[in-house]
Amino acid sequence: MFRQMFEEKYMRFPEGKCKALTFSYDDGVKADIKLLQIFGKYGLKGTFNLNSKLFDCQCWHDRMDEKTTFETFENCGQEIAMHGARHIFMDKVPLCEAVKEVVDNRAYLEEKFGKIVRGFAYAYGGYNEDIKRMLKDCGVAYARTTHSTYGFEIPTDWLELNPTCHHTEKELLPLADKFFSSSPNDEFKHREPWLFYVWGHSYEFDDNNNWDIIEGLCKRASESKSEIWLATNIEIYDYVQAYNRLVFSLDGERVYNPSAVDVWIELRGKTYKIGAGKTVAFDK
C-alpha cells in the first residue's frame, strides 16, 4: 500500500472525538423554555438566536416579553446569538439599514447578558455578498442560513453556514440514524470529522404536537455522548479556527499549536492531543 495513503491529517474534536452535534433555534418564543429543559435533561448544547425589538409579540408565535427572555436565557448554559433587531429581510433593505439591524441587535444582547455575542442567524434566510461582508466588519464570526446540506461536512464559509437540516424535514431521522450508528472512523480514506447541525423554531413542536422528535434525538445523543462532542455553534467555530491555526513542519512530522486551547488531530490511525502552546512530534 502506498505510504501517501497514511499521510492525510484529520481534525478531531475535543478528547479525540470524530463527531459533533449542535442545534440552532430562532426567535425567543415561549416554547424555548421547554426546549431548554429538554437540552438540560440530556446535556445537549446549542444556540438561541434572539431579536431585540420584538418582545411580547404574542400574536407572532408567542414571543416572550423582555423580562421573561432575560430570565430564561441569562444562565441557561447555551449560546445567545443575533437574529437581527426586528427580524427583517436584510437583503431587501439599504445596506445602512441592515447595518443598524445588526449593530442594534448585538449592542442590546451584549449589554443585557454581559457577554460578547458573535453568532448570527439570517432572518428568513435573507443575505447576499454585501451582507456577508458587512457582518464580518461588524465582528460577526458565523451566520447560519436556512439551506440544508443533508450532510455532515465541516463548514468552510462561516458567514454562509448551511445546517444539516431543519427538524421538520423528512431527512432528519435517516440522517440521525446514520450519524449515531456510523462514524468517519469506519472509512479507510476520507475520514473527515462529522458535524450534525439541526435548526428550527421551538414553536413548531407545539404547532405539530411532536415534541417527541426532539426529545428522542436528544436522548440518543445523550446515550452516545462518549463518542460525540456536544457543543454550541460558537464553540465549534472557535475550535475549527484553532485547528486551522496549527503550524506544521516542512516534512509534516511536527506540529505547533499557537492557540490557547488544546486541539486533537489524527494521523496514520493515531490520535494526538496538541496542547495549547505546545509542539508535538508524530510517531513515524
C-alpha atoms as a PDB file:
ATOM      1  CA  MET A   1       0.000   0.000   0.000  1.00  0.00           C
ATOM      2  CA  PHE A   2       1.278   3.446  -0.900  1.00  0.00           C
ATOM      3  CA  ARG A   3       2.672   5.457   2.003  1.00  0.00           C
ATOM      4  CA  GLN A   4       0.781   8.595   0.986  1.00  0.00           C
ATOM      5  CA  MET A   5      -2.463   6.849   1.875  1.00  0.00           C
ATOM      6  CA  PHE A   6      -1.415   7.331   5.511  1.00  0.00           C
ATOM      7  CA  GLU A   7      -0.215  10.938   5.379  1.00  0.00           C
ATOM      8  CA  GLU A   8      -3.623  12.646   5.439  1.00  0.00           C
ATOM      9  CA  LYS A   9      -4.220  14.620   8.634  1.00  0.00           C
ATOM     10  CA  TYR A  10      -7.731  14.858  10.046  1.00  0.00           C
ATOM     11  CA  MET A  11      -9.159  17.222  12.622  1.00  0.00           C
ATOM     12  CA  ARG A  12     -10.631  15.555  15.663  1.00  0.00           C
ATOM     13  CA  PHE A  13     -12.851  17.268  18.214  1.00  0.00           C
ATOM     14  CA  PRO A  14     -12.035  17.535  21.955  1.00  0.00           C
ATOM     15  CA  GLU A  15     -10.924  14.251  23.540  1.00  0.00           C
ATOM     16  CA  GLY A  16     -10.289  12.898  20.043  1.00  0.00           C
ATOM     17  CA  LYS A  17     -13.959  12.558  19.100  1.00  0.00           C
ATOM     18  CA  CYS A  18     -14.748  12.498  15.397  1.00  0.00           C
ATOM     19  CA  LYS A  19     -18.406  13.637  15.569  1.00  0.00           C
ATOM     20  CA  ALA A  20     -20.076  16.794  16.865  1.00  0.00           C
ATOM     21  CA  LEU A  21     -23.724  17.746  17.321  1.00  0.00           C
ATOM     22  CA  THR A  22     -25.176  21.229  17.652  1.00  0.00           C
ATOM     23  CA  PHE A  23     -28.554  22.972  17.458  1.00  0.00           C
ATOM     24  CA  SER A  24     -29.767  26.417  16.409  1.00  0.00           C
ATOM     25  CA  TYR A  25     -33.198  27.786  17.378  1.00  0.00           C
ATOM     26  CA  ASP A  26     -34.676  31.140  16.431  1.00  0.00           C
ATOM     27  CA  ASP A  27     -36.865  33.961  17.723  1.00  0.00           C
ATOM     28  CA  GLY A  28     -37.012  33.741  21.543  1.00  0.00           C
ATOM     29  CA  VAL A  29     -40.502  32.252  21.904  1.00  0.00           C
ATOM     30  CA  LYS A  30     -42.152  30.742  24.966  1.00  0.00           C
ATOM     31  CA  ALA A  31     -41.655  27.213  23.659  1.00  0.00           C
ATOM     32  CA  ASP A  32     -37.914  27.784  24.049  1.00  0.00           C
ATOM     33  CA  ILE A  33     -38.421  27.294  27.794  1.00  0.00           C
ATOM     34  CA  LYS A  34     -39.487  23.690  27.259  1.00  0.00           C
ATOM     35  CA  LEU A  35     -36.719  23.123  24.707  1.00  0.00           C
ATOM     36  CA  LEU A  36     -34.138  24.385  27.186  1.00  0.00           C
ATOM     37  CA  GLN A  37     -35.480  21.946  29.763  1.00  0.00           C
ATOM     38  CA  ILE A  38     -35.022  19.079  27.305  1.00  0.00           C
ATOM     39  CA  PHE A  39     -31.495  20.211  26.452  1.00  0.00           C
ATOM     40  CA  GLY A  40     -30.700  20.418  30.152  1.00  0.00           C
ATOM     41  CA  LYS A  41     -32.172  16.994  30.851  1.00  0.00           C
ATOM     42  CA  TYR A  42     -29.940  15.310  28.280  1.00  0.00           C
ATOM     43  CA  GLY A  43     -26.894  17.574  28.445  1.00  0.00           C
ATOM     44  CA  LEU A  44     -27.305  18.968  24.936  1.00  0.00           C
ATOM     45  CA  LYS A  45     -25.905  22.286  23.785  1.00  0.00           C
ATOM     46  CA  GLY A  46     -26.956  24.727  21.111  1.00  0.00           C
ATOM     47  CA  THR A  47     -27.556  28.327  20.166  1.00  0.00           C
ATOM     48  CA  PHE A  48     -30.624  30.536  20.564  1.00  0.00           C
ATOM     49  CA  ASN A  49     -30.911  33.418  18.120  1.00  0.00           C
ATOM     50  CA  LEU A  50     -32.739  36.407  19.568  1.00  0.00           C
ATOM     51  CA  ASN A  51     -34.247  39.605  18.205  1.00  0.00           C
ATOM     52  CA  SER A  52     -34.191  42.712  20.389  1.00  0.00           C
ATOM     53  CA  LYS A  53     -37.140  44.841  19.257  1.00  0.00           C
ATOM     54  CA  LEU A  54     -39.943  42.285  19.087  1.00  0.00           C
ATOM     55  CA  PHE A  55     -40.555  41.412  22.710  1.00  0.00           C
ATOM     56  CA  ASP A  56     -44.044  40.376  23.796  1.00  0.00           C
ATOM     57  CA  CYS A  57     -45.369  39.905  20.245  1.00  0.00           C
ATOM     58  CA  GLN A  58     -47.687  37.123  21.330  1.00  0.00           C
ATOM     59  CA  CYS A  59     -49.503  37.160  18.016  1.00  0.00           C
ATOM     60  CA  TRP A  60     -46.195  36.212  16.347  1.00  0.00           C
ATOM     61  CA  HIS A  61     -45.559  32.673  17.565  1.00  0.00           C
ATOM     62  CA  ASP A  62     -45.971  33.692  21.205  1.00  0.00           C
ATOM     63  CA  ARG A  63     -42.736  35.581  21.687  1.00  0.00           C
ATOM     64  CA  MET A  64     -41.590  36.202  25.242  1.00  0.00           C
ATOM     65  CA  ASP A  65     -41.574  39.638  26.838  1.00  0.00           C
ATOM     66  CA  GLU A  66     -38.230  41.251  27.649  1.00  0.00           C
ATOM     67  CA  LYS A  67     -38.173  40.245  31.317  1.00  0.00           C
ATOM     68  CA  THR A  68     -39.021  36.595  30.607  1.00  0.00           C
ATOM     69  CA  THR A  69     -36.487  36.460  27.784  1.00  0.00           C
ATOM     70  CA  PHE A  70     -33.716  37.653  30.075  1.00  0.00           C
ATOM     71  CA  GLU A  71     -34.695  35.325  32.919  1.00  0.00           C
ATOM     72  CA  THR A  72     -34.926  32.367  30.510  1.00  0.00           C
ATOM     73  CA  PHE A  73     -31.562  32.812  28.827  1.00  0.00           C
ATOM     74  CA  GLU A  74     -29.433  34.588  31.457  1.00  0.00           C
ATOM     75  CA  ASN A  75     -27.806  31.439  32.861  1.00  0.00           C
ATOM     76  CA  CYS A  76     -29.174  28.784  30.517  1.00  0.00           C
ATOM     77  CA  GLY A  77     -25.814  27.265  29.612  1.00  0.00           C
ATOM     78  CA  GLN A  78     -26.444  27.822  25.909  1.00  0.00           C
ATOM     79  CA  GLU A  79     -25.083  30.329  23.397  1.00  0.00           C
ATOM     80  CA  ILE A  80     -27.018  33.541  22.772  1.00  0.00           C
ATOM     81  CA  ALA A  81     -26.689  34.834  19.211  1.00  0.00           C
ATOM     82  CA  MET A  82     -28.121  37.543  16.960  1.00  0.00           C
ATOM     83  CA  HIS A  83     -31.154  37.264  14.708  1.00  0.00           C
ATOM     84  CA  GLY A  84     -31.494  40.933  13.782  1.00  0.00           C
ATOM     85  CA  ALA A  85     -33.164  43.604  15.873  1.00  0.00           C
ATOM     86  CA  ARG A  86     -36.508  43.407  14.033  1.00  0.00           C
ATOM     87  CA  HIS A  87     -36.328  40.101  12.103  1.00  0.00           C
ATOM     88  CA  ILE A  88     -36.290  41.770   8.676  1.00  0.00           C
ATOM     89  CA  PHE A  89     -35.108  40.630   5.244  1.00  0.00           C
ATOM     90  CA  MET A  90     -31.696  42.278   5.410  1.00  0.00           C
ATOM     91  CA  ASP A  91     -31.088  41.701   1.704  1.00  0.00           C
ATOM     92  CA  LYS A  92     -34.207  43.738   0.829  1.00  0.00           C
ATOM     93  CA  VAL A  93     -33.295  46.988   2.616  1.00  0.00           C
ATOM     94  CA  PRO A  94     -30.496  49.540   2.063  1.00  0.00           C
ATOM     95  CA  LEU A  95     -27.195  48.303   3.423  1.00  0.00           C
ATOM     96  CA  CYS A  96     -27.068  51.085   6.025  1.00  0.00           C
ATOM     97  CA  GLU A  97     -30.387  49.848   7.426  1.00  0.00           C
ATOM     98  CA  ALA A  98     -29.059  46.292   7.527  1.00  0.00           C
ATOM     99  CA  VAL A  99     -26.003  47.548   9.418  1.00  0.00           C
ATOM    100  CA  LYS A 100     -28.241  49.157  12.024  1.00  0.00           C
ATOM    101  CA  GLU A 101     -30.256  45.939  12.296  1.00  0.00           C
ATOM    102  CA  VAL A 102     -27.091  44.045  13.247  1.00  0.00           C
ATOM    103  CA  VAL A 103     -25.416  46.689  15.396  1.00  0.00           C
ATOM    104  CA  ASP A 104     -28.559  47.421  17.433  1.00  0.00           C
ATOM    105  CA  ASN A 105     -29.134  43.710  17.985  1.00  0.00           C
ATOM    106  CA  ARG A 106     -25.565  42.983  19.057  1.00  0.00           C
ATOM    107  CA  ALA A 107     -25.316  46.033  21.309  1.00  0.00           C
ATOM    108  CA  TYR A 108     -28.539  45.126  23.114  1.00  0.00           C
ATOM    109  CA  LEU A 109     -27.657  41.462  23.649  1.00  0.00           C
ATOM    110  CA  GLU A 110     -24.145  42.205  24.861  1.00  0.00           C
ATOM    111  CA  GLU A 111     -25.308  44.881  27.270  1.00  0.00           C
ATOM    112  CA  LYS A 112     -28.234  42.807  28.554  1.00  0.00           C
ATOM    113  CA  PHE A 113     -26.433  39.495  29.008  1.00  0.00           C
ATOM    114  CA  GLY A 114     -22.941  40.797  29.751  1.00  0.00           C
ATOM    115  CA  LYS A 115     -21.360  38.568  27.098  1.00  0.00           C
ATOM    116  CA  ILE A 116     -19.584  39.033  23.784  1.00  0.00           C
ATOM    117  CA  VAL A 117     -22.053  37.977  21.074  1.00  0.00           C
ATOM    118  CA  ARG A 118     -20.536  36.835  17.770  1.00  0.00           C
ATOM    119  CA  GLY A 119     -23.070  34.441  16.234  1.00  0.00           C
ATOM    120  CA  PHE A 120     -25.868  35.280  13.816  1.00  0.00           C
ATOM    121  CA  ALA A 121     -28.789  33.601  12.051  1.00  0.00           C
ATOM    122  CA  TYR A 122     -30.238  35.208   8.927  1.00  0.00           C
ATOM    123  CA  ALA A 123     -33.899  36.142   9.436  1.00  0.00           C
ATOM    124  CA  TYR A 124     -35.919  34.474   6.659  1.00  0.00           C
ATOM    125  CA  GLY A 125     -32.598  33.193   5.329  1.00  0.00           C
ATOM    126  CA  GLY A 126     -32.075  36.520   3.582  1.00  0.00           C
ATOM    127  CA  TYR A 127     -28.497  37.512   2.726  1.00  0.00           C
ATOM    128  CA  ASN A 128     -26.138  38.363  -0.113  1.00  0.00           C
ATOM    129  CA  GLU A 129     -22.427  39.005  -0.543  1.00  0.00           C
ATOM    130  CA  ASP A 130     -22.719  42.619   0.660  1.00  0.00           C
ATOM    131  CA  ILE A 131     -24.470  41.430   3.827  1.00  0.00           C
ATOM    132  CA  LYS A 132     -21.767  38.828   4.460  1.00  0.00           C
ATOM    133  CA  ARG A 133     -19.008  41.425   4.143  1.00  0.00           C
ATOM    134  CA  MET A 134     -20.919  43.772   6.423  1.00  0.00           C
ATOM    135  CA  LEU A 135     -21.332  41.073   9.079  1.00  0.00           C
ATOM    136  CA  LYS A 136     -17.598  40.428   9.071  1.00  0.00           C
ATOM    137  CA  ASP A 137     -16.948  44.155   9.544  1.00  0.00           C
ATOM    138  CA  CYS A 138     -19.413  44.122  12.472  1.00  0.00           C
ATOM    139  CA  GLY A 139     -17.459  41.380  14.226  1.00  0.00           C
ATOM    140  CA  VAL A 140     -19.810  38.500  13.403  1.00  0.00           C
ATOM    141  CA  ALA A 141     -17.940  35.175  13.379  1.00  0.00           C
ATOM    142  CA  TYR A 142     -20.557  32.993  11.706  1.00  0.00           C
ATOM    143  CA  ALA A 143     -24.035  33.356  10.212  1.00  0.00           C
ATOM    144  CA  ARG A 144     -26.456  30.470   9.744  1.00  0.00           C
ATOM    145  CA  THR A 145     -28.556  30.151   6.612  1.00  0.00           C
ATOM    146  CA  THR A 146     -31.719  28.101   6.020  1.00  0.00           C
ATOM    147  CA  HIS A 147     -30.187  25.922   3.280  1.00  0.00           C
ATOM    148  CA  SER A 148     -29.925  22.247   4.255  1.00  0.00           C
ATOM    149  CA  THR A 149     -26.873  20.276   3.159  1.00  0.00           C
ATOM    150  CA  TYR A 150     -28.202  16.863   4.288  1.00  0.00           C
ATOM    151  CA  GLY A 151     -24.597  16.083   5.099  1.00  0.00           C
ATOM    152  CA  PHE A 152     -22.114  16.315   7.955  1.00  0.00           C
ATOM    153  CA  GLU A 153     -19.355  18.396   6.363  1.00  0.00           C
ATOM    154  CA  ILE A 154     -17.425  20.988   8.371  1.00  0.00           C
ATOM    155  CA  PRO A 155     -18.274  24.483   7.060  1.00  0.00           C
ATOM    156  CA  THR A 156     -15.705  26.395   5.045  1.00  0.00           C
ATOM    157  CA  ASP A 157     -17.607  29.675   4.637  1.00  0.00           C
ATOM    158  CA  TRP A 158     -18.739  30.518   8.161  1.00  0.00           C
ATOM    159  CA  LEU A 159     -20.748  33.563   7.049  1.00  0.00           C
ATOM    160  CA  GLU A 160     -22.779  31.201   4.888  1.00  0.00           C
ATOM    161  CA  LEU A 161     -23.149  28.447   7.444  1.00  0.00           C
ATOM    162  CA  ASN A 162     -25.513  25.869   5.990  1.00  0.00           C
ATOM    163  CA  PRO A 163     -27.096  23.488   8.533  1.00  0.00           C
ATOM    164  CA  THR A 164     -27.527  19.762   8.034  1.00  0.00           C
ATOM    165  CA  CYS A 165     -31.322  20.031   8.090  1.00  0.00           C
ATOM    166  CA  HIS A 166     -34.385  21.564   9.690  1.00  0.00           C
ATOM    167  CA  HIS A 167     -36.049  19.359  12.298  1.00  0.00           C
ATOM    168  CA  THR A 168     -39.319  19.220  10.287  1.00  0.00           C
ATOM    169  CA  GLU A 169     -37.674  17.727   7.197  1.00  0.00           C
ATOM    170  CA  LYS A 170     -38.206  14.076   6.375  1.00  0.00           C
ATOM    171  CA  GLU A 171     -34.460  13.597   6.119  1.00  0.00           C
ATOM    172  CA  LEU A 172     -33.915  14.252   9.846  1.00  0.00           C
ATOM    173  CA  LEU A 173     -34.432  10.735  11.182  1.00  0.00           C
ATOM    174  CA  PRO A 174     -32.475   8.913   8.435  1.00  0.00           C
ATOM    175  CA  LEU A 175     -29.624  11.380   8.941  1.00  0.00           C
ATOM    176  CA  ALA A 176     -29.788  10.822  12.709  1.00  0.00           C
ATOM    177  CA  ASP A 177     -29.679   7.057  12.194  1.00  0.00           C
ATOM    178  CA  LYS A 178     -26.554   7.381  10.058  1.00  0.00           C
ATOM    179  CA  PHE A 179     -24.921   9.845  12.450  1.00  0.00           C
ATOM    180  CA  PHE A 180     -25.438   7.748  15.566  1.00  0.00           C
ATOM    181  CA  SER A 181     -24.770   4.325  14.039  1.00  0.00           C
ATOM    182  CA  SER A 182     -21.783   5.162  11.802  1.00  0.00           C
ATOM    183  CA  SER A 183     -18.527   7.077  12.084  1.00  0.00           C
ATOM    184  CA  PRO A 184     -15.784   8.626   9.957  1.00  0.00           C
ATOM    185  CA  ASN A 185     -13.532   6.075  11.645  1.00  0.00           C
ATOM    186  CA  ASP A 186     -15.369   3.379   9.687  1.00  0.00           C
ATOM    187  CA  GLU A 187     -13.842   4.745   6.481  1.00  0.00           C
ATOM    188  CA  PHE A 188     -10.445   3.745   5.120  1.00  0.00           C
ATOM    189  CA  LYS A 189      -9.951   7.134   3.470  1.00  0.00           C
ATOM    190  CA  HIS A 190     -11.796  10.470   3.664  1.00  0.00           C
ATOM    191  CA  ARG A 191     -12.039  10.355   7.439  1.00  0.00           C
ATOM    192  CA  GLU A 192     -13.010  13.993   7.862  1.00  0.00           C
ATOM    193  CA  PRO A 193     -14.972  14.689  11.072  1.00  0.00           C
ATOM    194  CA  TRP A 194     -18.757  14.952  11.033  1.00  0.00           C
ATOM    195  CA  LEU A 195     -20.917  17.844  12.198  1.00  0.00           C
ATOM    196  CA  PHE A 196     -24.653  17.220  12.605  1.00  0.00           C
ATOM    197  CA  TYR A 197     -26.289  20.670  12.683  1.00  0.00           C
ATOM    198  CA  VAL A 198     -30.046  20.829  13.375  1.00  0.00           C
ATOM    199  CA  TRP A 199     -32.067  24.045  13.341  1.00  0.00           C
ATOM    200  CA  GLY A 200     -35.657  25.203  13.654  1.00  0.00           C
ATOM    201  CA  HIS A 201     -38.164  27.078  15.807  1.00  0.00           C
ATOM    202  CA  SER A 202     -39.354  25.551  19.064  1.00  0.00           C
ATOM    203  CA  TYR A 203     -42.946  26.714  18.488  1.00  0.00           C
ATOM    204  CA  GLU A 204     -43.094  24.212  15.614  1.00  0.00           C
ATOM    205  CA  PHE A 205     -43.108  21.389  18.164  1.00  0.00           C
ATOM    206  CA  ASP A 206     -46.272  22.886  19.662  1.00  0.00           C
ATOM    207  CA  ASP A 207     -47.805  23.507  16.238  1.00  0.00           C
ATOM    208  CA  ASN A 208     -47.173  19.926  15.124  1.00  0.00           C
ATOM    209  CA  ASN A 209     -47.595  18.270  18.528  1.00  0.00           C
ATOM    210  CA  ASN A 210     -44.321  16.388  18.080  1.00  0.00           C
ATOM    211  CA  TRP A 211     -42.031  17.217  20.967  1.00  0.00           C
ATOM    212  CA  ASP A 212     -41.133  13.531  20.890  1.00  0.00           C
ATOM    213  CA  ILE A 213     -38.997  14.229  17.797  1.00  0.00           C
ATOM    214  CA  ILE A 214     -36.541  16.482  19.590  1.00  0.00           C
ATOM    215  CA  GLU A 215     -36.675  14.542  22.857  1.00  0.00           C
ATOM    216  CA  GLY A 216     -35.874  11.317  21.030  1.00  0.00           C
ATOM    217  CA  LEU A 217     -32.980  12.943  19.202  1.00  0.00           C
ATOM    218  CA  CYS A 218     -31.588  14.395  22.425  1.00  0.00           C
ATOM    219  CA  LYS A 219     -31.924  11.069  24.222  1.00  0.00           C
ATOM    220  CA  ARG A 220     -29.968   9.271  21.508  1.00  0.00           C
ATOM    221  CA  ALA A 221     -27.283  11.958  21.631  1.00  0.00           C
ATOM    222  CA  SER A 222     -27.007  11.652  25.406  1.00  0.00           C
ATOM    223  CA  GLU A 223     -26.580   7.888  25.135  1.00  0.00           C
ATOM    224  CA  SER A 224     -23.769   8.415  22.591  1.00  0.00           C
ATOM    225  CA  LYS A 225     -22.036  11.357  24.272  1.00  0.00           C
ATOM    226  CA  SER A 226     -18.853   9.363  24.825  1.00  0.00           C
ATOM    227  CA  GLU A 227     -18.444   9.430  21.029  1.00  0.00           C
ATOM    228  CA  ILE A 228     -19.934  12.849  20.228  1.00  0.00           C
ATOM    229  CA  TRP A 229     -18.885  16.370  21.133  1.00  0.00           C
ATOM    230  CA  LEU A 230     -21.989  18.270  22.257  1.00  0.00           C
ATOM    231  CA  ALA A 231     -21.292  21.947  21.637  1.00  0.00           C
ATOM    232  CA  THR A 232     -22.741  25.346  20.847  1.00  0.00           C
ATOM    233  CA  ASN A 233     -22.279  26.907  17.423  1.00  0.00           C
ATOM    234  CA  ILE A 234     -19.582  29.317  18.618  1.00  0.00           C
ATOM    235  CA  GLU A 235     -17.669  26.571  20.420  1.00  0.00           C
ATOM    236  CA  ILE A 236     -17.460  24.625  17.171  1.00  0.00           C
ATOM    237  CA  TYR A 237     -16.437  27.732  15.235  1.00  0.00           C
ATOM    238  CA  ASP A 238     -13.684  28.597  17.719  1.00  0.00           C
ATOM    239  CA  TYR A 239     -12.371  25.040  17.784  1.00  0.00           C
ATOM    240  CA  VAL A 240     -12.177  24.780  13.983  1.00  0.00           C
ATOM    241  CA  GLN A 241     -10.337  28.115  13.866  1.00  0.00           C
ATOM    242  CA  ALA A 242      -7.850  26.827  16.446  1.00  0.00           C
ATOM    243  CA  TYR A 243      -7.272  23.693  14.367  1.00  0.00           C
ATOM    244  CA  ASN A 244      -6.768  25.772  11.221  1.00  0.00           C
ATOM    245  CA  ARG A 245      -4.065  27.784  13.002  1.00  0.00           C
ATOM    246  CA  LEU A 246      -1.882  24.729  13.596  1.00  0.00           C
ATOM    247  CA  VAL A 247       1.619  25.172  12.169  1.00  0.00           C
ATOM    248  CA  PHE A 248       3.305  22.137  10.606  1.00  0.00           C
ATOM    249  CA  SER A 249       6.973  21.493   9.964  1.00  0.00           C
ATOM    250  CA  LEU A 250       8.168  21.242   6.371  1.00  0.00           C
ATOM    251  CA  ASP A 251       8.133  17.439   6.428  1.00  0.00           C
ATOM    252  CA  GLY A 252       4.760  17.324   8.239  1.00  0.00           C
ATOM    253  CA  GLU A 253       6.188  15.351  11.146  1.00  0.00           C
ATOM    254  CA  ARG A 254       5.803  18.059  13.810  1.00  0.00           C
ATOM    255  CA  VAL A 255       3.013  20.439  14.654  1.00  0.00           C
ATOM    256  CA  TYR A 256       2.835  23.572  16.783  1.00  0.00           C
ATOM    257  CA  ASN A 257      -0.390  24.832  18.354  1.00  0.00           C
ATOM    258  CA  PRO A 258      -0.247  28.649  18.783  1.00  0.00           C
ATOM    259  CA  SER A 259      -3.785  28.796  20.207  1.00  0.00           C
ATOM    260  CA  ALA A 260      -4.876  28.948  23.832  1.00  0.00           C
ATOM    261  CA  VAL A 261      -6.959  25.761  23.535  1.00  0.00           C
ATOM    262  CA  ASP A 262      -5.951  22.118  23.116  1.00  0.00           C
ATOM    263  CA  VAL A 263      -6.537  20.617  19.673  1.00  0.00           C
ATOM    264  CA  TRP A 264      -6.724  16.983  18.535  1.00  0.00           C
ATOM    265  CA  ILE A 265      -5.541  15.553  15.216  1.00  0.00           C
ATOM    266  CA  GLU A 266      -5.479  12.088  13.647  1.00  0.00           C
ATOM    267  CA  LEU A 267      -2.554  10.837  11.569  1.00  0.00           C
ATOM    268  CA  ARG A 268      -1.789   7.278  10.456  1.00  0.00           C
ATOM    269  CA  GLY A 269      -4.583   5.879  12.575  1.00  0.00           C
ATOM    270  CA  LYS A 270      -3.383   7.514  15.794  1.00  0.00           C
ATOM    271  CA  THR A 271      -4.985  10.496  17.544  1.00  0.00           C
ATOM    272  CA  TYR A 272      -2.749  13.158  19.063  1.00  0.00           C
ATOM    273  CA  LYS A 273      -3.534  15.903  21.548  1.00  0.00           C
ATOM    274  CA  ILE A 274      -1.730  19.119  20.657  1.00  0.00           C
ATOM    275  CA  GLY A 275      -1.730  21.118  23.868  1.00  0.00           C
ATOM    276  CA  ALA A 276      -2.113  24.887  23.834  1.00  0.00           C
ATOM    277  CA  GLY A 277       1.254  26.451  23.010  1.00  0.00           C
ATOM    278  CA  LYS A 278       2.876  23.028  22.546  1.00  0.00           C
ATOM    279  CA  THR A 279       4.854  21.368  19.758  1.00  0.00           C
ATOM    280  CA  VAL A 280       4.292  17.644  19.172  1.00  0.00           C
ATOM    281  CA  ALA A 281       6.302  15.202  17.012  1.00  0.00           C
ATOM    282  CA  PHE A 282       4.273  12.468  15.324  1.00  0.00           C
ATOM    283  CA  ASP A 283       5.266   8.805  15.553  1.00  0.00           C
ATOM    284  CA  LYS A 284       6.834   7.521  12.346  1.00  0.00           C
END
